[in-house]
Amino acid sequence: MGTGVALRSVTTGDSVTRILIDGGQTGTRVRIETPDGGSDHDAPPIRTDRPVVEQIAATVRDILRTAEARSGPDKSTGPSVVAAGVSGLTPGASRPIDLLAALGDAGVDSVALAHDSVTAYLAANRHEFGAVTAVGTGVVTLGVGRGGVCRVDGWGYLFGDAGSAYWIGRSGITAALRAFDGRGPETALRVATEEEFGPLAELYMSVQADPDRVARIAAFARAVDAASEAGDAVAQQVIDDAADELATSAMTALERSGREAGEPARVSWVGGVMSASDRLRNRFVDNISRRAPEVSVEPPHGPPFDGVRLLTDLDAAHPLSEHVYRATAAP
């Protein structure tokens, strides 16, 4: 169940109560914005291997109950809307009409759902054409332009996610094992890998048997970045290769979404991986700037909740609009 922990107040400036959901596979954040202010809450993950609508409805009801217990009944008279960006959401799983029906008795008269790559794009680039790469355990890059919307990578840790935390962590472990074998140069990653995962000769067995192996390997990206910052040449190459992969995905997304050579566009990013690593971020910026000087590569305009909020007001003519699944109650 949600914790109902308020993090900070916000103000909507209108009569609408907005329930904003940033749903992930490891946790969900919820923001309630009312005309008088608002609060942020934590909630359980929204898992795409289970019916999504029912999980969102349960999250909304739980958070509303928690908020009411803390602050008393909601006295606002305006409409309530739910907007959600959900990791891994597919069109078939969105079922906005069903979600609206499930929350009708909670005073919700409008819902808007999208894959979290859409809300990430809106948070980072607002309505501008360009590309946004969302880098976490995995990675997906979205390009938006006159030619429409293009998704690049996001194929998961087995087949893709090039440049992600998992990709960096796995590459660091591979480099350590190559040094252990004598097939590659010596590196500080050898000691770092052993400290994290145990004896290298047993690593492939122990990690394969660990149900949390994906998260642990992704978390090892921090050790790779630390070794890179300390001057380890092998670790630096891993970080550089990751940045180049991410830059290639962004450039591909720009091209496939309709950008012509020499045309300006905006590229940005979301996620803690890019924000935490100066070398990764700087290499990413430099790579794109070298390949396309007219493209601006800038930090995100705002946090993920900004993108979720923008779902509710997205112009129907914008290319992203067809990737937002909506339902509104009849007047």
Protein backbone atom coordinates (compact mmCIF):
# COMPACT_ATOMS: atom_id res chain seq x y z
CA MET A 1 0.00 0.00 0.00
CA GLY A 2 1.07 3.61 -0.48
CA THR A 3 2.96 5.32 2.31
CA GLY A 4 1.19 8.67 1.92
CA VAL A 5 4.42 10.54 2.75
CA ALA A 6 4.07 14.18 1.71
CA LEU A 7 7.30 15.50 0.21
CA ARG A 8 6.48 19.08 -0.78
CA SER A 9 3.59 21.36 -1.61
CA VAL A 10 2.58 22.43 -5.11
CA THR A 11 -0.09 24.78 -6.50
CA THR A 12 -2.31 24.23 -9.53
CA GLY A 13 -3.66 27.74 -9.98
CA ASP A 14 -7.04 26.49 -11.29
CA SER A 15 -10.11 24.60 -10.12
CA VAL A 16 -8.98 21.18 -11.34
CA THR A 17 -7.76 18.46 -8.99
CA ARG A 18 -5.01 16.54 -10.76
CA ILE A 19 -3.85 13.10 -9.70
CA LEU A 20 -0.50 12.57 -11.43
CA ILE A 21 1.10 9.12 -11.52
CA ASP A 22 4.69 8.31 -12.45
CA GLY A 23 4.49 4.52 -12.49
CA GLY A 24 7.58 2.33 -12.61
CA GLN A 25 8.53 -1.32 -12.28
CA THR A 26 10.25 -0.76 -8.93
CA GLY A 27 8.04 1.97 -7.44
CA THR A 28 5.41 4.59 -8.19
CA ARG A 29 5.18 8.25 -7.27
CA VAL A 30 1.86 10.05 -7.04
CA ARG A 31 1.20 13.78 -6.84
CA ILE A 32 -2.18 15.21 -5.89
CA GLU A 33 -2.62 18.82 -6.99
CA THR A 34 -5.66 20.71 -5.73
CA PRO A 35 -6.59 24.40 -6.06
CA ASP A 36 -5.24 24.88 -2.52
CA GLY A 37 -1.93 23.09 -3.03
CA GLY A 38 -0.91 19.47 -3.03
CA SER A 39 1.37 16.69 -1.91
CA ASP A 40 3.59 13.90 -3.19
CA HIS A 41 3.20 10.25 -2.17
CA ASP A 42 4.91 6.91 -2.71
CA ALA A 43 3.03 3.83 -3.93
CA PRO A 44 3.82 0.26 -5.01
CA PRO A 45 5.16 -0.48 -8.49
CA ILE A 46 2.82 -0.83 -11.46
CA ARG A 47 3.73 -4.13 -13.08
CA THR A 48 3.00 -4.70 -16.75
CA ASP A 49 2.77 -8.48 -16.29
CA ARG A 50 -0.53 -7.83 -14.47
CA PRO A 51 -3.63 -5.84 -15.51
CA VAL A 52 -2.49 -2.20 -15.42
CA VAL A 53 -5.86 -0.48 -15.06
CA GLU A 54 -6.72 -2.28 -11.85
CA GLN A 55 -3.35 -1.37 -10.34
CA ILE A 56 -3.75 2.31 -11.24
CA ALA A 57 -7.27 2.40 -9.83
CA ALA A 58 -6.11 0.77 -6.59
CA THR A 59 -3.22 3.23 -6.33
CA VAL A 60 -5.52 6.24 -6.80
CA ARG A 61 -8.02 5.00 -4.21
CA ASP A 62 -5.28 4.22 -1.70
CA ILE A 63 -3.62 7.60 -2.08
CA LEU A 64 -6.94 9.48 -1.87
CA ARG A 65 -7.81 7.60 1.33
CA THR A 66 -4.40 8.46 2.79
CA ALA A 67 -4.70 12.11 1.81
CA GLU A 68 -8.20 12.33 3.29
CA ALA A 69 -7.03 10.75 6.53
CA ARG A 70 -4.28 13.35 6.81
CA SER A 71 -6.10 16.45 5.61
CA GLY A 72 -9.82 15.70 5.85
CA PRO A 73 -12.29 15.31 2.97
CA ASP A 74 -11.48 17.12 -0.28
CA LYS A 75 -13.60 20.28 -0.36
CA SER A 76 -12.81 21.21 -3.98
CA THR A 77 -15.80 21.50 -6.31
CA GLY A 78 -13.97 21.28 -9.63
CA PRO A 79 -13.40 18.19 -11.75
CA SER A 80 -10.73 15.58 -11.01
CA VAL A 81 -8.42 14.19 -13.66
CA VAL A 82 -5.99 11.29 -13.55
CA ALA A 83 -2.87 11.36 -15.71
CA ALA A 84 -0.37 8.50 -15.67
CA GLY A 85 2.93 7.71 -17.32
CA VAL A 86 3.60 3.99 -16.90
CA SER A 87 6.76 2.05 -17.69
CA GLY A 88 6.15 -0.56 -20.38
CA LEU A 89 2.53 0.46 -21.03
CA THR A 90 1.11 -0.88 -24.32
CA PRO A 91 -1.99 0.35 -26.18
CA GLY A 92 -3.88 -2.84 -25.37
CA ALA A 93 -3.09 -2.58 -21.66
CA SER A 94 -4.08 1.09 -21.34
CA ARG A 95 -7.91 0.63 -21.38
CA PRO A 96 -8.73 4.27 -20.50
CA ILE A 97 -12.49 3.73 -20.64
CA ASP A 98 -12.22 0.95 -18.07
CA LEU A 99 -10.06 3.13 -15.82
CA LEU A 100 -12.56 5.99 -16.02
CA ALA A 101 -15.38 3.61 -15.09
CA ALA A 102 -13.38 2.21 -12.17
CA LEU A 103 -12.78 5.69 -10.74
CA GLY A 104 -16.09 7.34 -11.57
CA ASP A 105 -17.36 7.07 -8.01
CA ALA A 106 -14.14 8.73 -6.80
CA GLY A 107 -15.05 11.92 -8.66
CA VAL A 108 -12.71 11.35 -11.61
CA ASP A 109 -14.18 12.56 -14.90
CA SER A 110 -11.13 12.37 -17.18
CA VAL A 111 -8.12 10.06 -17.57
CA ALA A 112 -5.01 10.17 -19.76
CA LEU A 113 -2.41 7.39 -19.90
CA ALA A 114 0.85 6.99 -21.81
CA HIS A 115 4.08 5.02 -21.88
CA ASP A 116 6.60 6.69 -19.59
CA SER A 117 8.82 7.49 -22.59
CA VAL A 118 6.09 9.92 -23.68
CA THR A 119 5.93 11.65 -20.30
CA ALA A 120 9.74 11.66 -20.13
CA TYR A 121 9.84 13.41 -23.50
CA LEU A 122 7.32 16.03 -22.41
CA ALA A 123 9.19 16.63 -19.15
CA ALA A 124 12.53 17.07 -20.90
CA ASN A 125 11.58 18.79 -24.17
CA ARG A 126 8.06 20.09 -23.57
CA HIS A 127 6.44 20.42 -27.02
CA GLU A 128 9.64 21.00 -29.00
CA PHE A 129 10.68 18.59 -31.73
CA GLY A 130 13.81 16.58 -31.05
CA ALA A 131 14.84 13.49 -29.08
CA VAL A 132 14.95 12.44 -25.43
CA THR A 133 16.81 9.45 -24.05
CA ALA A 134 15.55 7.98 -20.78
CA VAL A 135 18.46 6.20 -19.10
CA GLY A 136 17.99 3.98 -16.06
CA THR A 137 18.40 0.24 -15.60
CA GLY A 138 17.30 0.12 -19.24
CA VAL A 139 17.11 2.82 -21.88
CA VAL A 140 14.67 4.01 -24.51
CA THR A 141 15.02 7.01 -26.81
CA LEU A 142 12.07 8.86 -28.31
CA GLY A 143 12.25 11.09 -31.36
CA VAL A 144 9.43 13.50 -32.20
CA GLY A 145 9.21 15.54 -35.38
CA ARG A 146 7.28 16.33 -38.53
CA GLY A 147 7.60 12.70 -39.54
CA GLY A 148 5.90 11.50 -36.37
CA VAL A 149 7.15 9.65 -33.30
CA CYS A 150 10.04 7.18 -33.37
CA ARG A 151 11.16 4.88 -30.59
CA VAL A 152 14.75 3.61 -30.61
CA ASP A 153 16.00 0.70 -28.47
CA GLY A 154 14.22 -0.15 -25.23
CA TRP A 155 14.60 -3.82 -26.17
CA GLY A 156 15.46 -4.95 -22.65
CA TYR A 157 18.62 -6.18 -21.01
CA LEU A 158 18.80 -9.41 -23.04
CA PHE A 159 18.72 -7.85 -26.48
CA GLY A 160 19.31 -4.11 -26.24
CA ASP A 161 19.30 -1.16 -23.82
CA ALA A 162 22.68 -0.02 -25.16
CA GLY A 163 24.26 2.56 -22.87
CA SER A 164 21.97 1.83 -19.92
CA ALA A 165 23.07 1.18 -16.35
CA TYR A 166 22.73 -2.56 -16.95
CA TRP A 167 24.81 -2.29 -20.15
CA ILE A 168 27.52 -0.33 -18.31
CA GLY A 169 27.55 -2.73 -15.38
CA ARG A 170 27.70 -5.80 -17.59
CA SER A 171 30.48 -4.27 -19.70
CA GLY A 172 32.45 -3.53 -16.54
CA ILE A 173 32.09 -7.12 -15.35
CA THR A 174 33.09 -8.41 -18.78
CA ALA A 175 36.23 -6.26 -18.67
CA ALA A 176 37.07 -7.63 -15.23
CA LEU A 177 36.69 -11.22 -16.42
CA ARG A 178 38.84 -10.53 -19.48
CA ALA A 179 41.57 -9.19 -17.19
CA PHE A 180 41.15 -12.25 -14.96
CA ASP A 181 41.64 -14.53 -17.99
CA GLY A 182 44.55 -12.52 -19.36
CA ARG A 183 42.55 -11.65 -22.51
CA GLY A 184 42.33 -7.98 -21.64
CA PRO A 185 44.28 -5.23 -19.89
CA GLU A 186 44.48 -5.07 -16.13
CA THR A 187 41.82 -2.83 -14.59
CA ALA A 188 40.57 -1.63 -11.22
CA LEU A 189 37.25 -3.18 -12.25
CA ARG A 190 38.68 -6.60 -11.47
CA VAL A 191 38.91 -5.80 -7.76
CA ALA A 192 35.62 -3.86 -7.80
CA THR A 193 33.80 -6.81 -9.38
CA GLU A 194 35.20 -9.26 -6.84
CA GLU A 195 34.22 -6.96 -3.97
CA GLU A 196 30.67 -6.73 -5.25
CA PHE A 197 30.02 -10.25 -6.56
CA GLY A 198 32.59 -12.50 -4.87
CA PRO A 199 35.33 -14.68 -6.41
CA LEU A 200 35.52 -14.18 -10.16
CA ALA A 201 35.88 -17.90 -10.84
CA GLU A 202 32.41 -18.40 -9.28
CA LEU A 203 30.78 -15.22 -10.56
CA TYR A 204 28.90 -16.57 -13.55
CA MET A 205 27.22 -19.22 -11.42
CA SER A 206 26.38 -17.02 -8.42
CA VAL A 207 25.02 -14.12 -10.49
CA GLN A 208 22.93 -16.35 -12.75
CA ALA A 209 21.28 -17.85 -9.66
CA ASP A 210 20.49 -14.43 -8.14
CA PRO A 211 16.85 -13.36 -8.76
CA ASP A 212 17.99 -9.72 -8.40
CA ARG A 213 20.81 -10.08 -10.92
CA VAL A 214 19.53 -7.41 -13.30
CA ALA A 215 19.27 -4.79 -10.56
CA ARG A 216 22.65 -5.77 -9.09
CA ILE A 217 24.41 -5.62 -12.44
CA ALA A 218 22.79 -2.26 -13.19
CA ALA A 219 23.87 -0.95 -9.79
CA PHE A 220 27.47 -1.92 -10.63
CA ALA A 221 27.42 0.93 -13.17
CA ARG A 222 28.20 3.23 -10.24
CA ALA A 223 31.41 1.31 -9.55
CA VAL A 224 32.37 1.52 -13.23
CA ASP A 225 31.79 5.27 -13.23
CA ALA A 226 33.78 5.67 -10.01
CA ALA A 227 36.70 3.75 -11.52
CA SER A 228 36.43 5.93 -14.60
CA GLU A 229 36.58 9.10 -12.51
CA ALA A 230 39.62 7.68 -10.70
CA GLY A 231 41.44 7.38 -14.04
CA ASP A 232 41.06 3.68 -14.92
CA ALA A 233 41.42 3.56 -18.71
CA VAL A 234 39.27 0.44 -19.15
CA ALA A 235 36.41 1.91 -17.13
CA GLN A 236 36.72 5.17 -19.05
CA GLN A 237 36.34 3.27 -22.30
CA VAL A 238 33.18 1.56 -21.02
CA ILE A 239 31.64 4.93 -20.12
CA ASP A 240 32.71 6.45 -23.45
CA ASP A 241 31.23 3.52 -25.38
CA ALA A 242 27.97 3.87 -23.45
CA ALA A 243 27.77 7.58 -24.26
CA ASP A 244 28.43 6.87 -27.93
CA GLU A 245 25.65 4.28 -28.01
CA LEU A 246 23.22 6.76 -26.44
CA ALA A 247 24.26 9.48 -28.87
CA THR A 248 23.75 7.13 -31.83
CA SER A 249 20.26 6.29 -30.57
CA ALA A 250 19.43 9.99 -30.24
CA MET A 251 20.73 10.82 -33.71
CA THR A 252 18.81 7.87 -35.17
CA ALA A 253 15.62 9.01 -33.43
CA LEU A 254 16.04 12.51 -34.88
CA GLU A 255 16.51 11.17 -38.39
CA ARG A 256 13.64 8.68 -38.26
CA SER A 257 11.20 11.24 -36.83
CA GLY A 258 11.68 13.48 -39.84
CA ARG A 259 14.55 15.85 -39.08
CA GLU A 260 16.44 16.94 -42.18
CA ALA A 261 20.21 17.43 -42.23
CA GLY A 262 21.14 20.88 -40.96
CA GLU A 263 17.76 21.43 -39.30
CA PRO A 264 17.74 22.55 -35.63
CA ALA A 265 16.30 20.29 -32.95
CA ARG A 266 16.54 19.77 -29.20
CA VAL A 267 18.05 16.70 -27.54
CA SER A 268 17.78 16.05 -23.82
CA TRP A 269 17.71 13.21 -21.29
CA VAL A 270 16.00 11.98 -18.14
CA GLY A 271 17.12 9.51 -15.50
CA GLY A 272 19.72 9.39 -12.79
CA VAL A 273 22.37 7.58 -14.83
CA MET A 274 23.05 10.53 -17.13
CA SER A 275 22.73 13.07 -14.32
CA ALA A 276 25.14 11.20 -12.04
CA SER A 277 28.01 10.68 -14.49
CA ASP A 278 29.82 13.77 -15.75
CA ARG A 279 31.92 11.77 -18.18
CA LEU A 280 28.91 9.98 -19.69
CA ARG A 281 26.88 13.17 -20.02
CA ASN A 282 29.72 15.29 -21.41
CA ARG A 283 30.70 12.64 -23.95
CA PHE A 284 27.04 12.31 -25.02
CA VAL A 285 26.75 16.08 -25.52
CA ASP A 286 30.07 16.34 -27.36
CA ASN A 287 29.26 13.39 -29.65
CA ILE A 288 25.95 14.85 -30.81
CA SER A 289 27.34 18.39 -31.08
CA ARG A 290 30.17 17.13 -33.27
CA ARG A 291 27.82 15.19 -35.56
CA ALA A 292 25.10 17.85 -35.72
CA PRO A 293 26.28 21.31 -34.56
CA GLU A 294 22.86 22.83 -35.21
CA VAL A 295 21.22 20.49 -32.66
CA SER A 296 21.05 21.86 -29.12
CA VAL A 297 21.76 19.33 -26.36
CA GLU A 298 20.36 20.65 -23.11
CA PRO A 299 19.35 19.44 -19.62
CA PRO A 300 15.68 18.53 -19.17
CA HIS A 301 13.21 21.37 -18.74
CA GLY A 302 11.70 19.72 -15.67
CA PRO A 303 11.10 16.55 -13.62
CA PRO A 304 8.93 13.59 -14.72
CA PHE A 305 5.78 14.93 -13.05
CA ASP A 306 5.87 17.90 -15.44
CA GLY A 307 5.54 15.47 -18.33
CA VAL A 308 2.66 13.62 -16.67
CA ARG A 309 0.81 16.90 -16.11
CA LEU A 310 1.27 17.89 -19.76
CA LEU A 311 -0.59 14.75 -20.87
CA THR A 312 -3.86 16.36 -19.83
CA ASP A 313 -3.42 19.42 -22.06
CA LEU A 314 -1.50 18.02 -25.03
CA ASP A 315 -2.72 19.51 -28.31
CA ALA A 316 -4.43 16.93 -30.51
CA ALA A 317 -2.27 18.09 -33.44
CA HIS A 318 0.99 17.24 -31.68
CA PRO A 319 2.61 14.00 -32.92
CA LEU A 320 2.69 12.59 -29.37
CA SER A 321 -1.07 12.97 -28.98
CA GLU A 322 -1.83 9.69 -30.74
CA HIS A 323 0.29 7.93 -28.11
CA VAL A 324 -1.85 9.24 -25.26
CA TYR A 325 -4.88 7.09 -24.35
CA ARG A 326 -7.79 9.19 -23.08
CA ALA A 327 -11.33 8.91 -21.82
CA THR A 328 -13.68 11.64 -20.59
CA ALA A 329 -17.02 11.27 -18.86
CA ALA A 330 -20.08 12.41 -20.77
CA PRO A 331 -21.37 15.83 -19.62
